[in-house]
Amino acid sequence: MAYDIRLMKLVTGELVIGKYDEAKDCLTDAAAIQTIPSQAGVQMMMLPYGYPFEPDFTGVLDGKFFLYRYADTPKELQDKYIEACTNLTVAGGLGKLQFGSGPLPGANGSGLIS
């Protein structure tokens, strides 16, 4: 089953990614994306939106909380989102995004993206 995976900025300033449901205007299985400055540049960390209290990707965010809807979601970011949600590796062409030191404890496959 193909999902419409989209990137959104919330009114709180948070960057989130999830499966977009056009009929309900919401993101399901939402993940928060955080940027982390490092000596090599900037890394990105993807966690379930309710982490640490909800360690699985089950959150739902209503469209009324979207401040900005990105026109395009990078394919590499979509692949990493699918990997984090399913604990499966997407084969081929992942580009520059690579997981860092592996999954975080209790984060159901989430980790650093550099």
PDB file of N, CA and C in Angstrom:
ATOM      1  N   MET A   1       0.843  -1.179   0.000  1.00  0.00           N
ATOM      2  CA  MET A   1       0.000   0.000   0.000  1.00  0.00           C
ATOM      3  C   MET A   1       0.887   1.240   0.000  1.00  0.00           C
ATOM      4  N   ALA A   2       0.621   2.150  -0.897  1.00  0.00           N
ATOM      5  CA  ALA A   2       1.389   3.387  -0.977  1.00  0.00           C
ATOM      6  C   ALA A   2       0.775   4.436  -0.051  1.00  0.00           C
ATOM      7  N   TYR A   3       1.647   5.148   0.636  1.00  0.00           N
ATOM      8  CA  TYR A   3       1.203   6.197   1.538  1.00  0.00           C
ATOM      9  C   TYR A   3       1.630   7.543   0.996  1.00  0.00           C
ATOM     10  N   ASP A   4       0.847   8.560   1.315  1.00  0.00           N
ATOM     11  CA  ASP A   4       1.194   9.934   0.975  1.00  0.00           C
ATOM     12  C   ASP A   4       1.940  10.499   2.183  1.00  0.00           C
ATOM     13  N   ILE A   5       3.261  10.411   2.152  1.00  0.00           N
ATOM     14  CA  ILE A   5       4.081  10.854   3.284  1.00  0.00           C
ATOM     15  C   ILE A   5       4.446  12.318   3.074  1.00  0.00           C
ATOM     16  N   ARG A   6       4.098  13.144   4.057  1.00  0.00           N
ATOM     17  CA  ARG A   6       4.318  14.588   3.917  1.00  0.00           C
ATOM     18  C   ARG A   6       5.046  15.167   5.113  1.00  0.00           C
ATOM     19  N   LEU A   7       5.710  16.276   4.842  1.00  0.00           N
ATOM     20  CA  LEU A   7       6.455  17.038   5.828  1.00  0.00           C
ATOM     21  C   LEU A   7       5.674  18.308   6.142  1.00  0.00           C
ATOM     22  N   MET A   8       5.490  18.600   7.427  1.00  0.00           N
ATOM     23  CA  MET A   8       4.729  19.777   7.853  1.00  0.00           C
ATOM     24  C   MET A   8       5.464  20.498   8.978  1.00  0.00           C
ATOM     25  N   LYS A   9       5.223  21.796   9.083  1.00  0.00           N
ATOM     26  CA  LYS A   9       5.681  22.575  10.239  1.00  0.00           C
ATOM     27  C   LYS A   9       4.437  22.936  11.029  1.00  0.00           C
ATOM     28  N   LEU A  10       4.488  22.672  12.331  1.00  0.00           N
ATOM     29  CA  LEU A  10       3.345  22.944  13.197  1.00  0.00           C
ATOM     30  C   LEU A  10       3.374  24.389  13.696  1.00  0.00           C
ATOM     31  N   VAL A  11       2.262  24.848  14.228  1.00  0.00           N
ATOM     32  CA  VAL A  11       2.189  26.202  14.773  1.00  0.00           C
ATOM     33  C   VAL A  11       3.147  26.381  15.946  1.00  0.00           C
ATOM     34  N   THR A  12       3.580  25.288  16.566  1.00  0.00           N
ATOM     35  CA  THR A  12       4.545  25.349  17.657  1.00  0.00           C
ATOM     36  C   THR A  12       5.982  25.476  17.145  1.00  0.00           C
ATOM     37  N   GLY A  13       6.175  25.378  15.818  1.00  0.00           N
ATOM     38  CA  GLY A  13       7.505  25.469  15.230  1.00  0.00           C
ATOM     39  C   GLY A  13       8.151  24.116  15.005  1.00  0.00           C
ATOM     40  N   GLU A  14       7.503  23.040  15.455  1.00  0.00           N
ATOM     41  CA  GLU A  14       8.068  21.705  15.293  1.00  0.00           C
ATOM     42  C   GLU A  14       7.928  21.238  13.841  1.00  0.00           C
ATOM     43  N   LEU A  15       8.910  20.472  13.398  1.00  0.00           N
ATOM     44  CA  LEU A  15       8.904  19.875  12.074  1.00  0.00           C
ATOM     45  C   LEU A  15       8.458  18.429  12.236  1.00  0.00           C
ATOM     46  N   VAL A  16       7.420  18.011  11.499  1.00  0.00           N
ATOM     47  CA  VAL A  16       6.886  16.658  11.633  1.00  0.00           C
ATOM     48  C   VAL A  16       6.711  16.019  10.259  1.00  0.00           C
ATOM     49  N   ILE A  17       6.731  14.701  10.258  1.00  0.00           N
ATOM     50  CA  ILE A  17       6.490  13.927   9.047  1.00  0.00           C
ATOM     51  C   ILE A  17       5.508  12.828   9.409  1.00  0.00           C
ATOM     52  N   GLY A  18       4.680  12.443   8.449  1.00  0.00           N
ATOM     53  CA  GLY A  18       3.719  11.381   8.706  1.00  0.00           C
ATOM     54  C   GLY A  18       2.943  11.037   7.459  1.00  0.00           C
ATOM     55  N   LYS A  19       2.021  10.110   7.626  1.00  0.00           N
ATOM     56  CA  LYS A  19       1.152   9.673   6.530  1.00  0.00           C
ATOM     57  C   LYS A  19      -0.031  10.635   6.473  1.00  0.00           C
ATOM     58  N   TYR A  20      -0.176  11.319   5.350  1.00  0.00           N
ATOM     59  CA  TYR A  20      -1.218  12.330   5.224  1.00  0.00           C
ATOM     60  C   TYR A  20      -2.536  11.690   4.803  1.00  0.00           C
ATOM     61  N   ASP A  21      -3.594  12.002   5.543  1.00  0.00           N
ATOM     62  CA  ASP A  21      -4.948  11.564   5.221  1.00  0.00           C
ATOM     63  C   ASP A  21      -5.693  12.789   4.708  1.00  0.00           C
ATOM     64  N   GLU A  22      -5.885  12.852   3.391  1.00  0.00           N
ATOM     65  CA  GLU A  22      -6.493  14.035   2.778  1.00  0.00           C
ATOM     66  C   GLU A  22      -7.957  14.200   3.203  1.00  0.00           C
ATOM     67  N   ALA A  23      -8.677  13.102   3.350  1.00  0.00           N
ATOM     68  CA  ALA A  23     -10.091  13.175   3.718  1.00  0.00           C
ATOM     69  C   ALA A  23     -10.285  13.798   5.106  1.00  0.00           C
ATOM     70  N   LYS A  24      -9.401  13.470   6.037  1.00  0.00           N
ATOM     71  CA  LYS A  24      -9.498  13.999   7.400  1.00  0.00           C
ATOM     72  C   LYS A  24      -8.583  15.191   7.635  1.00  0.00           C
ATOM     73  N   ASP A  25      -7.738  15.543   6.658  1.00  0.00           N
ATOM     74  CA  ASP A  25      -6.742  16.606   6.769  1.00  0.00           C
ATOM     75  C   ASP A  25      -5.933  16.445   8.059  1.00  0.00           C
ATOM     76  N   CYS A  26      -5.229  15.309   8.138  1.00  0.00           N
ATOM     77  CA  CYS A  26      -4.412  15.050   9.317  1.00  0.00           C
ATOM     78  C   CYS A  26      -3.202  14.193   8.946  1.00  0.00           C
ATOM     79  N   LEU A  27      -2.209  14.195   9.821  1.00  0.00           N
ATOM     80  CA  LEU A  27      -1.058  13.298   9.695  1.00  0.00           C
ATOM     81  C   LEU A  27      -1.245  12.162  10.693  1.00  0.00           C
ATOM     82  N   THR A  28      -1.107  10.925  10.225  1.00  0.00           N
ATOM     83  CA  THR A  28      -1.164   9.776  11.118  1.00  0.00           C
ATOM     84  C   THR A  28       0.233   9.192  11.244  1.00  0.00           C
ATOM     85  N   ASP A  29       0.456   8.437  12.297  1.00  0.00           N
ATOM     86  CA  ASP A  29       1.767   7.841  12.576  1.00  0.00           C
ATOM     87  C   ASP A  29       2.860   8.908  12.522  1.00  0.00           C
ATOM     88  N   ALA A  30       2.604  10.016  13.201  1.00  0.00           N
ATOM     89  CA  ALA A  30       3.468  11.193  13.133  1.00  0.00           C
ATOM     90  C   ALA A  30       4.813  10.992  13.823  1.00  0.00           C
ATOM     91  N   ALA A  31       5.834  11.609  13.230  1.00  0.00           N
ATOM     92  CA  ALA A  31       7.185  11.601  13.785  1.00  0.00           C
ATOM     93  C   ALA A  31       7.697  13.034  13.850  1.00  0.00           C
ATOM     94  N   ALA A  32       8.344  13.362  14.951  1.00  0.00           N
ATOM     95  CA  ALA A  32       8.966  14.676  15.115  1.00  0.00           C
ATOM     96  C   ALA A  32      10.385  14.600  14.565  1.00  0.00           C
ATOM     97  N   ILE A  33      10.799  15.652  13.889  1.00  0.00           N
ATOM     98  CA  ILE A  33      12.158  15.735  13.365  1.00  0.00           C
ATOM     99  C   ILE A  33      12.859  16.867  14.091  1.00  0.00           C
ATOM    100  N   GLN A  34      13.989  16.537  14.702  1.00  0.00           N
ATOM    101  CA  GLN A  34      14.772  17.537  15.426  1.00  0.00           C
ATOM    102  C   GLN A  34      16.137  17.671  14.772  1.00  0.00           C
ATOM    103  N   THR A  35      16.624  18.893  14.658  1.00  0.00           N
ATOM    104  CA  THR A  35      17.965  19.118  14.124  1.00  0.00           C
ATOM    105  C   THR A  35      18.941  19.225  15.286  1.00  0.00           C
ATOM    106  N   ILE A  36      20.121  18.645  15.069  1.00  0.00           N
ATOM    107  CA  ILE A  36      21.160  18.627  16.094  1.00  0.00           C
ATOM    108  C   ILE A  36      22.445  19.150  15.476  1.00  0.00           C
ATOM    109  N   PRO A  37      22.948  20.307  15.937  1.00  0.00           N
ATOM    110  CA  PRO A  37      24.220  20.798  15.397  1.00  0.00           C
ATOM    111  C   PRO A  37      25.364  19.871  15.797  1.00  0.00           C
ATOM    112  N   SER A  38      26.286  19.663  14.887  1.00  0.00           N
ATOM    113  CA  SER A  38      27.464  18.843  15.175  1.00  0.00           C
ATOM    114  C   SER A  38      28.671  19.456  14.476  1.00  0.00           C
ATOM    115  N   GLN A  39      29.847  18.919  14.744  1.00  0.00           N
ATOM    116  CA  GLN A  39      31.058  19.435  14.111  1.00  0.00           C
ATOM    117  C   GLN A  39      31.024  19.226  12.601  1.00  0.00           C
ATOM    118  N   ALA A  40      30.342  18.195  12.162  1.00  0.00           N
ATOM    119  CA  ALA A  40      30.280  17.880  10.731  1.00  0.00           C
ATOM    120  C   ALA A  40      29.144  18.613  10.024  1.00  0.00           C
ATOM    121  N   GLY A  41      28.384  19.418  10.717  1.00  0.00           N
ATOM    122  CA  GLY A  41      27.252  20.127  10.133  1.00  0.00           C
ATOM    123  C   GLY A  41      26.031  19.956  11.012  1.00  0.00           C
ATOM    124  N   VAL A  42      24.942  19.571  10.397  1.00  0.00           N
ATOM    125  CA  VAL A  42      23.698  19.379  11.131  1.00  0.00           C
ATOM    126  C   VAL A  42      23.207  17.951  10.915  1.00  0.00           C
ATOM    127  N   GLN A  43      22.821  17.297  12.001  1.00  0.00           N
ATOM    128  CA  GLN A  43      22.210  15.987  11.929  1.00  0.00           C
ATOM    129  C   GLN A  43      20.737  16.135  12.233  1.00  0.00           C
ATOM    130  N   MET A  44      19.954  15.157  11.808  1.00  0.00           N
ATOM    131  CA  MET A  44      18.524  15.167  12.080  1.00  0.00           C
ATOM    132  C   MET A  44      18.165  13.898  12.839  1.00  0.00           C
ATOM    133  N   MET A  45      17.269  14.049  13.816  1.00  0.00           N
ATOM    134  CA  MET A  45      16.810  12.909  14.590  1.00  0.00           C
ATOM    135  C   MET A  45      15.304  12.790  14.401  1.00  0.00           C
ATOM    136  N   MET A  46      14.833  11.574  14.121  1.00  0.00           N
ATOM    137  CA  MET A  46      13.418  11.319  13.923  1.00  0.00           C
ATOM    138  C   MET A  46      12.922  10.438  15.067  1.00  0.00           C
ATOM    139  N   LEU A  47      11.901  10.924  15.768  1.00  0.00           N
ATOM    140  CA  LEU A  47      11.334  10.208  16.908  1.00  0.00           C
ATOM    141  C   LEU A  47       9.822  10.169  16.780  1.00  0.00           C
ATOM    142  N   PRO A  48       9.175   9.150  17.356  1.00  0.00           N
ATOM    143  CA  PRO A  48       7.710   9.185  17.403  1.00  0.00           C
ATOM    144  C   PRO A  48       7.259  10.487  18.064  1.00  0.00           C
ATOM    145  N   TYR A  49       6.172  11.070  17.591  1.00  0.00           N
ATOM    146  CA  TYR A  49       5.769  12.389  18.088  1.00  0.00           C
ATOM    147  C   TYR A  49       5.523  12.392  19.594  1.00  0.00           C
ATOM    148  N   GLY A  50       5.023  11.333  20.157  1.00  0.00           N
ATOM    149  CA  GLY A  50       4.744  11.288  21.593  1.00  0.00           C
ATOM    150  C   GLY A  50       5.885  10.789  22.447  1.00  0.00           C
ATOM    151  N   TYR A  51       7.071  10.610  21.857  1.00  0.00           N
ATOM    152  CA  TYR A  51       8.221  10.074  22.583  1.00  0.00           C
ATOM    153  C   TYR A  51       8.596  10.996  23.734  1.00  0.00           C
ATOM    154  N   PRO A  52       8.928  10.546  24.916  1.00  0.00           N
ATOM    155  CA  PRO A  52       9.190   9.183  25.359  1.00  0.00           C
ATOM    156  C   PRO A  52       7.974   8.479  25.945  1.00  0.00           C
ATOM    157  N   PHE A  53       6.840   9.145  26.036  1.00  0.00           N
ATOM    158  CA  PHE A  53       5.669   8.540  26.665  1.00  0.00           C
ATOM    159  C   PHE A  53       4.950   7.567  25.745  1.00  0.00           C
ATOM    160  N   GLU A  54       5.072   7.761  24.447  1.00  0.00           N
ATOM    161  CA  GLU A  54       4.527   6.840  23.449  1.00  0.00           C
ATOM    162  C   GLU A  54       5.678   6.446  22.525  1.00  0.00           C
ATOM    163  N   PRO A  55       6.286   5.292  22.747  1.00  0.00           N
ATOM    164  CA  PRO A  55       7.481   4.913  21.982  1.00  0.00           C
ATOM    165  C   PRO A  55       7.189   4.389  20.579  1.00  0.00           C
ATOM    166  N   ASP A  56       5.921   4.309  20.171  1.00  0.00           N
ATOM    167  CA  ASP A  56       5.576   3.835  18.830  1.00  0.00           C
ATOM    168  C   ASP A  56       5.047   4.987  17.990  1.00  0.00           C
ATOM    169  N   PHE A  57       5.090   4.799  16.671  1.00  0.00           N
ATOM    170  CA  PHE A  57       4.592   5.804  15.744  1.00  0.00           C
ATOM    171  C   PHE A  57       3.077   5.644  15.621  1.00  0.00           C
ATOM    172  N   THR A  58       2.334   6.270  16.538  1.00  0.00           N
ATOM    173  CA  THR A  58       0.880   6.145  16.543  1.00  0.00           C
ATOM    174  C   THR A  58       0.181   7.493  16.637  1.00  0.00           C
ATOM    175  N   GLY A  59       0.911   8.578  16.756  1.00  0.00           N
ATOM    176  CA  GLY A  59       0.308   9.892  16.952  1.00  0.00           C
ATOM    177  C   GLY A  59      -0.448  10.389  15.733  1.00  0.00           C
ATOM    178  N   VAL A  60      -1.501  11.169  15.986  1.00  0.00           N
ATOM    179  CA  VAL A  60      -2.296  11.784  14.933  1.00  0.00           C
ATOM    180  C   VAL A  60      -2.316  13.288  15.179  1.00  0.00           C
ATOM    181  N   LEU A  61      -1.994  14.058  14.140  1.00  0.00           N
ATOM    182  CA  LEU A  61      -1.982  15.520  14.248  1.00  0.00           C
ATOM    183  C   LEU A  61      -3.009  16.102  13.281  1.00  0.00           C
ATOM    184  N   ASP A  62      -3.930  16.897  13.789  1.00  0.00           N
ATOM    185  CA  ASP A  62      -4.987  17.504  12.998  1.00  0.00           C
ATOM    186  C   ASP A  62      -4.441  18.652  12.145  1.00  0.00           C
ATOM    187  N   GLY A  63      -5.002  18.827  10.967  1.00  0.00           N
ATOM    188  CA  GLY A  63      -4.554  19.849  10.024  1.00  0.00           C
ATOM    189  C   GLY A  63      -4.650  21.274  10.531  1.00  0.00           C
ATOM    190  N   LYS A  64      -5.492  21.541  11.513  1.00  0.00           N
ATOM    191  CA  LYS A  64      -5.615  22.907  12.029  1.00  0.00           C
ATOM    192  C   LYS A  64      -4.342  23.365  12.743  1.00  0.00           C
ATOM    193  N   PHE A  65      -3.447  22.410  13.044  1.00  0.00           N
ATOM    194  CA  PHE A  65      -2.192  22.751  13.714  1.00  0.00           C
ATOM    195  C   PHE A  65      -1.023  22.915  12.745  1.00  0.00           C
ATOM    196  N   PHE A  66      -1.268  22.780  11.434  1.00  0.00           N
ATOM    197  CA  PHE A  66      -0.201  22.934  10.438  1.00  0.00           C
ATOM    198  C   PHE A  66      -0.009  24.417  10.127  1.00  0.00           C
ATOM    199  N   LEU A  67       1.191  24.908  10.354  1.00  0.00           N
ATOM    200  CA  LEU A  67       1.527  26.276  10.003  1.00  0.00           C
ATOM    201  C   LEU A  67       1.982  26.330   8.547  1.00  0.00           C
ATOM    202  N   TYR A  68       2.744  25.324   8.145  1.00  0.00           N
ATOM    203  CA  TYR A  68       3.288  25.297   6.787  1.00  0.00           C
ATOM    204  C   TYR A  68       3.250  23.870   6.269  1.00  0.00           C
ATOM    205  N   ARG A  69       2.804  23.711   5.029  1.00  0.00           N
ATOM    206  CA  ARG A  69       2.760  22.407   4.362  1.00  0.00           C
ATOM    207  C   ARG A  69       3.807  22.423   3.256  1.00  0.00           C
ATOM    208  N   TYR A  70       4.860  21.656   3.426  1.00  0.00           N
ATOM    209  CA  TYR A  70       5.924  21.622   2.422  1.00  0.00           C
ATOM    210  C   TYR A  70       5.379  21.029   1.128  1.00  0.00           C
ATOM    211  N   ALA A  71       5.733  21.640   0.003  1.00  0.00           N
ATOM    212  CA  ALA A  71       5.251  21.172  -1.294  1.00  0.00           C
ATOM    213  C   ALA A  71       5.812  19.796  -1.629  1.00  0.00           C
ATOM    214  N   ASP A  72       7.075  19.558  -1.287  1.00  0.00           N
ATOM    215  CA  ASP A  72       7.720  18.279  -1.577  1.00  0.00           C
ATOM    216  C   ASP A  72       8.414  17.764  -0.323  1.00  0.00           C
ATOM    217  N   THR A  73       8.317  16.462  -0.119  1.00  0.00           N
ATOM    218  CA  THR A  73       9.038  15.798   0.966  1.00  0.00           C
ATOM    219  C   THR A  73      10.174  15.019   0.325  1.00  0.00           C
ATOM    220  N   PRO A  74      11.428  15.292   0.709  1.00  0.00           N
ATOM    221  CA  PRO A  74      12.559  14.587   0.078  1.00  0.00           C
ATOM    222  C   PRO A  74      12.390  13.068   0.159  1.00  0.00           C
ATOM    223  N   LYS A  75      12.677  12.402  -0.950  1.00  0.00           N
ATOM    224  CA  LYS A  75      12.548  10.940  -1.038  1.00  0.00           C
ATOM    225  C   LYS A  75      13.378  10.247   0.026  1.00  0.00           C
ATOM    226  N   GLU A  76      14.575  10.757   0.297  1.00  0.00           N
ATOM    227  CA  GLU A  76      15.442  10.150   1.306  1.00  0.00           C
ATOM    228  C   GLU A  76      14.799  10.208   2.692  1.00  0.00           C
ATOM    229  N   LEU A  77      14.135  11.322   2.979  1.00  0.00           N
ATOM    230  CA  LEU A  77      13.456  11.479   4.267  1.00  0.00           C
ATOM    231  C   LEU A  77      12.249  10.547   4.356  1.00  0.00           C
ATOM    232  N   GLN A  78      11.523  10.387   3.250  1.00  0.00           N
ATOM    233  CA  GLN A  78      10.406   9.445   3.229  1.00  0.00           C
ATOM    234  C   GLN A  78      10.896   8.020   3.492  1.00  0.00           C
ATOM    235  N   ASP A  79      12.018   7.648   2.855  1.00  0.00           N
ATOM    236  CA  ASP A  79      12.582   6.307   3.053  1.00  0.00           C
ATOM    237  C   ASP A  79      12.976   6.086   4.514  1.00  0.00           C
ATOM    238  N   LYS A  80      13.614   7.083   5.120  1.00  0.00           N
ATOM    239  CA  LYS A  80      14.018   6.953   6.524  1.00  0.00           C
ATOM    240  C   LYS A  80      12.804   6.884   7.442  1.00  0.00           C
ATOM    241  N   TYR A  81      11.752   7.605   7.097  1.00  0.00           N
ATOM    242  CA  TYR A  81      10.516   7.554   7.884  1.00  0.00           C
ATOM    243  C   TYR A  81       9.922   6.141   7.829  1.00  0.00           C
ATOM    244  N   ILE A  82       9.857   5.565   6.639  1.00  0.00           N
ATOM    245  CA  ILE A  82       9.318   4.210   6.485  1.00  0.00           C
ATOM    246  C   ILE A  82      10.176   3.215   7.262  1.00  0.00           C
ATOM    247  N   GLU A  83      11.497   3.368   7.187  1.00  0.00           N
ATOM    248  CA  GLU A  83      12.398   2.483   7.930  1.00  0.00           C
ATOM    249  C   GLU A  83      12.163   2.593   9.438  1.00  0.00           C
ATOM    250  N   ALA A  84      12.008   3.814   9.926  1.00  0.00           N
ATOM    251  CA  ALA A  84      11.811   4.023  11.364  1.00  0.00           C
ATOM    252  C   ALA A  84      10.471   3.446  11.833  1.00  0.00           C
ATOM    253  N   CYS A  85       9.431   3.600  11.025  1.00  0.00           N
ATOM    254  CA  CYS A  85       8.099   3.110  11.410  1.00  0.00           C
ATOM    255  C   CYS A  85       7.988   1.594  11.359  1.00  0.00           C
ATOM    256  N   THR A  86       8.673   0.979  10.401  1.00  0.00           N
ATOM    257  CA  THR A  86       8.477  -0.452  10.172  1.00  0.00           C
ATOM    258  C   THR A  86       9.641  -1.316  10.629  1.00  0.00           C
ATOM    259  N   ASN A  87      10.773  -0.705  10.948  1.00  0.00           N
ATOM    260  CA  ASN A  87      12.005  -1.450  11.261  1.00  0.00           C
ATOM    261  C   ASN A  87      12.483  -2.277  10.074  1.00  0.00           C
ATOM    262  N   LEU A  88      12.092  -1.881   8.865  1.00  0.00           N
ATOM    263  CA  LEU A  88      12.560  -2.524   7.639  1.00  0.00           C
ATOM    264  C   LEU A  88      13.438  -1.548   6.881  1.00  0.00           C
ATOM    265  N   THR A  89      14.403  -2.047   6.140  1.00  0.00           N
ATOM    266  CA  THR A  89      15.285  -1.198   5.360  1.00  0.00           C
ATOM    267  C   THR A  89      14.731  -1.037   3.958  1.00  0.00           C
ATOM    268  N   VAL A  90      14.681   0.200   3.470  1.00  0.00           N
ATOM    269  CA  VAL A  90      14.254   0.470   2.106  1.00  0.00           C
ATOM    270  C   VAL A  90      15.472   0.295   1.212  1.00  0.00           C
ATOM    271  N   ALA A  91      15.374  -0.553   0.220  1.00  0.00           N
ATOM    272  CA  ALA A  91      16.508  -0.873  -0.635  1.00  0.00           C
ATOM    273  C   ALA A  91      16.715   0.192  -1.701  1.00  0.00           C
ATOM    274  N   GLY A  92      17.988   0.480  -1.974  1.00  0.00           N
ATOM    275  CA  GLY A  92      18.367   1.311  -3.107  1.00  0.00           C
ATOM    276  C   GLY A  92      18.241   2.801  -2.903  1.00  0.00           C
ATOM    277  N   GLY A  93      19.193   3.539  -3.453  1.00  0.00           N
ATOM    278  CA  GLY A  93      19.156   4.981  -3.617  1.00  0.00           C
ATOM    279  C   GLY A  93      18.772   5.809  -2.417  1.00  0.00           C
ATOM    280  N   LEU A  94      19.375   5.611  -1.287  1.00  0.00           N
ATOM    281  CA  LEU A  94      19.031   6.401  -0.109  1.00  0.00           C
ATOM    282  C   LEU A  94      19.769   7.727  -0.057  1.00  0.00           C
ATOM    283  N   GLY A  95      20.635   7.967  -1.003  1.00  0.00           N
ATOM    284  CA  GLY A  95      21.290   9.265  -1.077  1.00  0.00           C
ATOM    285  C   GLY A  95      22.208   9.542   0.088  1.00  0.00           C
ATOM    286  N   LYS A  96      22.234  10.801   0.547  1.00  0.00           N
ATOM    287  CA  LYS A  96      23.170  11.236   1.583  1.00  0.00           C
ATOM    288  C   LYS A  96      22.694  10.955   2.998  1.00  0.00           C
ATOM    289  N   LEU A  97      21.411  10.710   3.193  1.00  0.00           N
ATOM    290  CA  LEU A  97      20.912  10.491   4.544  1.00  0.00           C
ATOM    291  C   LEU A  97      21.298   9.097   5.007  1.00  0.00           C
ATOM    292  N   GLN A  98      21.991   9.005   6.134  1.00  0.00           N
ATOM    293  CA  GLN A  98      22.403   7.722   6.698  1.00  0.00           C
ATOM    294  C   GLN A  98      22.149   7.755   8.194  1.00  0.00           C
ATOM    295  N   PHE A  99      21.695   6.630   8.739  1.00  0.00           N
ATOM    296  CA  PHE A  99      21.510   6.566  10.179  1.00  0.00           C
ATOM    297  C   PHE A  99      22.849   6.638  10.866  1.00  0.00           C
ATOM    298  N   GLY A 100      22.865   7.258  12.042  1.00  0.00           N
ATOM    299  CA  GLY A 100      24.076   7.393  12.839  1.00  0.00           C
ATOM    300  C   GLY A 100      24.404   6.102  13.552  1.00  0.00           C
ATOM    301  N   SER A 101      24.465   6.138  14.853  1.00  0.00           N
ATOM    302  CA  SER A 101      24.935   5.013  15.640  1.00  0.00           C
ATOM    303  C   SER A 101      23.864   3.948  15.872  1.00  0.00           C
ATOM    304  N   GLY A 102      22.740   4.003  15.200  1.00  0.00           N
ATOM    305  CA  GLY A 102      21.724   2.972  15.329  1.00  0.00           C
ATOM    306  C   GLY A 102      20.502   3.479  16.067  1.00  0.00           C
ATOM    307  N   PRO A 103      19.535   2.590  16.246  1.00  0.00           N
ATOM    308  CA  PRO A 103      18.286   3.003  16.885  1.00  0.00           C
ATOM    309  C   PRO A 103      18.487   3.441  18.330  1.00  0.00           C
ATOM    310  N   LEU A 104      17.657   4.346  18.763  1.00  0.00           N
ATOM    311  CA  LEU A 104      17.672   4.778  20.155  1.00  0.00           C
ATOM    312  C   LEU A 104      16.871   3.792  20.982  1.00  0.00           C
ATOM    313  N   PRO A 105      17.248   3.560  22.234  1.00  0.00           N
ATOM    314  CA  PRO A 105      16.520   2.614  23.064  1.00  0.00           C
ATOM    315  C   PRO A 105      15.057   3.010  23.204  1.00  0.00           C
ATOM    316  N   GLY A 106      14.171   2.065  22.950  1.00  0.00           N
ATOM    317  CA  GLY A 106      12.746   2.294  23.128  1.00  0.00           C
ATOM    318  C   GLY A 106      12.108   3.174  22.073  1.00  0.00           C
ATOM    319  N   ALA A 107      12.840   3.531  21.030  1.00  0.00           N
ATOM    320  CA  ALA A 107      12.300   4.463  20.050  1.00  0.00           C
ATOM    321  C   ALA A 107      11.818   3.757  18.792  1.00  0.00           C
ATOM    322  N   ASN A 108      11.673   2.430  18.828  1.00  0.00           N
ATOM    323  CA  ASN A 108      11.081   1.677  17.728  1.00  0.00           C
ATOM    324  C   ASN A 108      11.725   2.003  16.395  1.00  0.00           C
ATOM    325  N   GLY A 109      13.053   1.927  16.326  1.00  0.00           N
ATOM    326  CA  GLY A 109      13.744   2.098  15.063  1.00  0.00           C
ATOM    327  C   GLY A 109      14.146   3.511  14.731  1.00  0.00           C
ATOM    328  N   SER A 110      13.860   4.475  15.585  1.00  0.00           N
ATOM    329  CA  SER A 110      14.253   5.849  15.277  1.00  0.00           C
ATOM    330  C   SER A 110      15.749   6.007  15.523  1.00  0.00           C
ATOM    331  N   GLY A 111      16.322   7.023  14.975  1.00  0.00           N
ATOM    332  CA  GLY A 111      17.741   7.242  15.161  1.00  0.00           C
ATOM    333  C   GLY A 111      18.205   8.523  14.515  1.00  0.00           C
ATOM    334  N   LEU A 112      19.486   8.698  14.465  1.00  0.00           N
ATOM    335  CA  LEU A 112      20.059   9.905  13.888  1.00  0.00           C
ATOM    336  C   LEU A 112      20.165   9.776  12.389  1.00  0.00           C
ATOM    337  N   ILE A 113      19.908  10.847  11.701  1.00  0.00           N
ATOM    338  CA  ILE A 113      20.088  10.931  10.267  1.00  0.00           C
ATOM    339  C   ILE A 113      21.140  11.989  10.031  1.00  0.00           C
ATOM    340  N   SER A 114      22.202  11.638   9.321  1.00  0.00           N
ATOM    341  CA  SER A 114      23.231  12.639   9.079  1.00  0.00           C
ATOM    342  C   SER A 114      23.393  12.924   7.614  1.00  0.00           C
TER     343      SER A 114
END
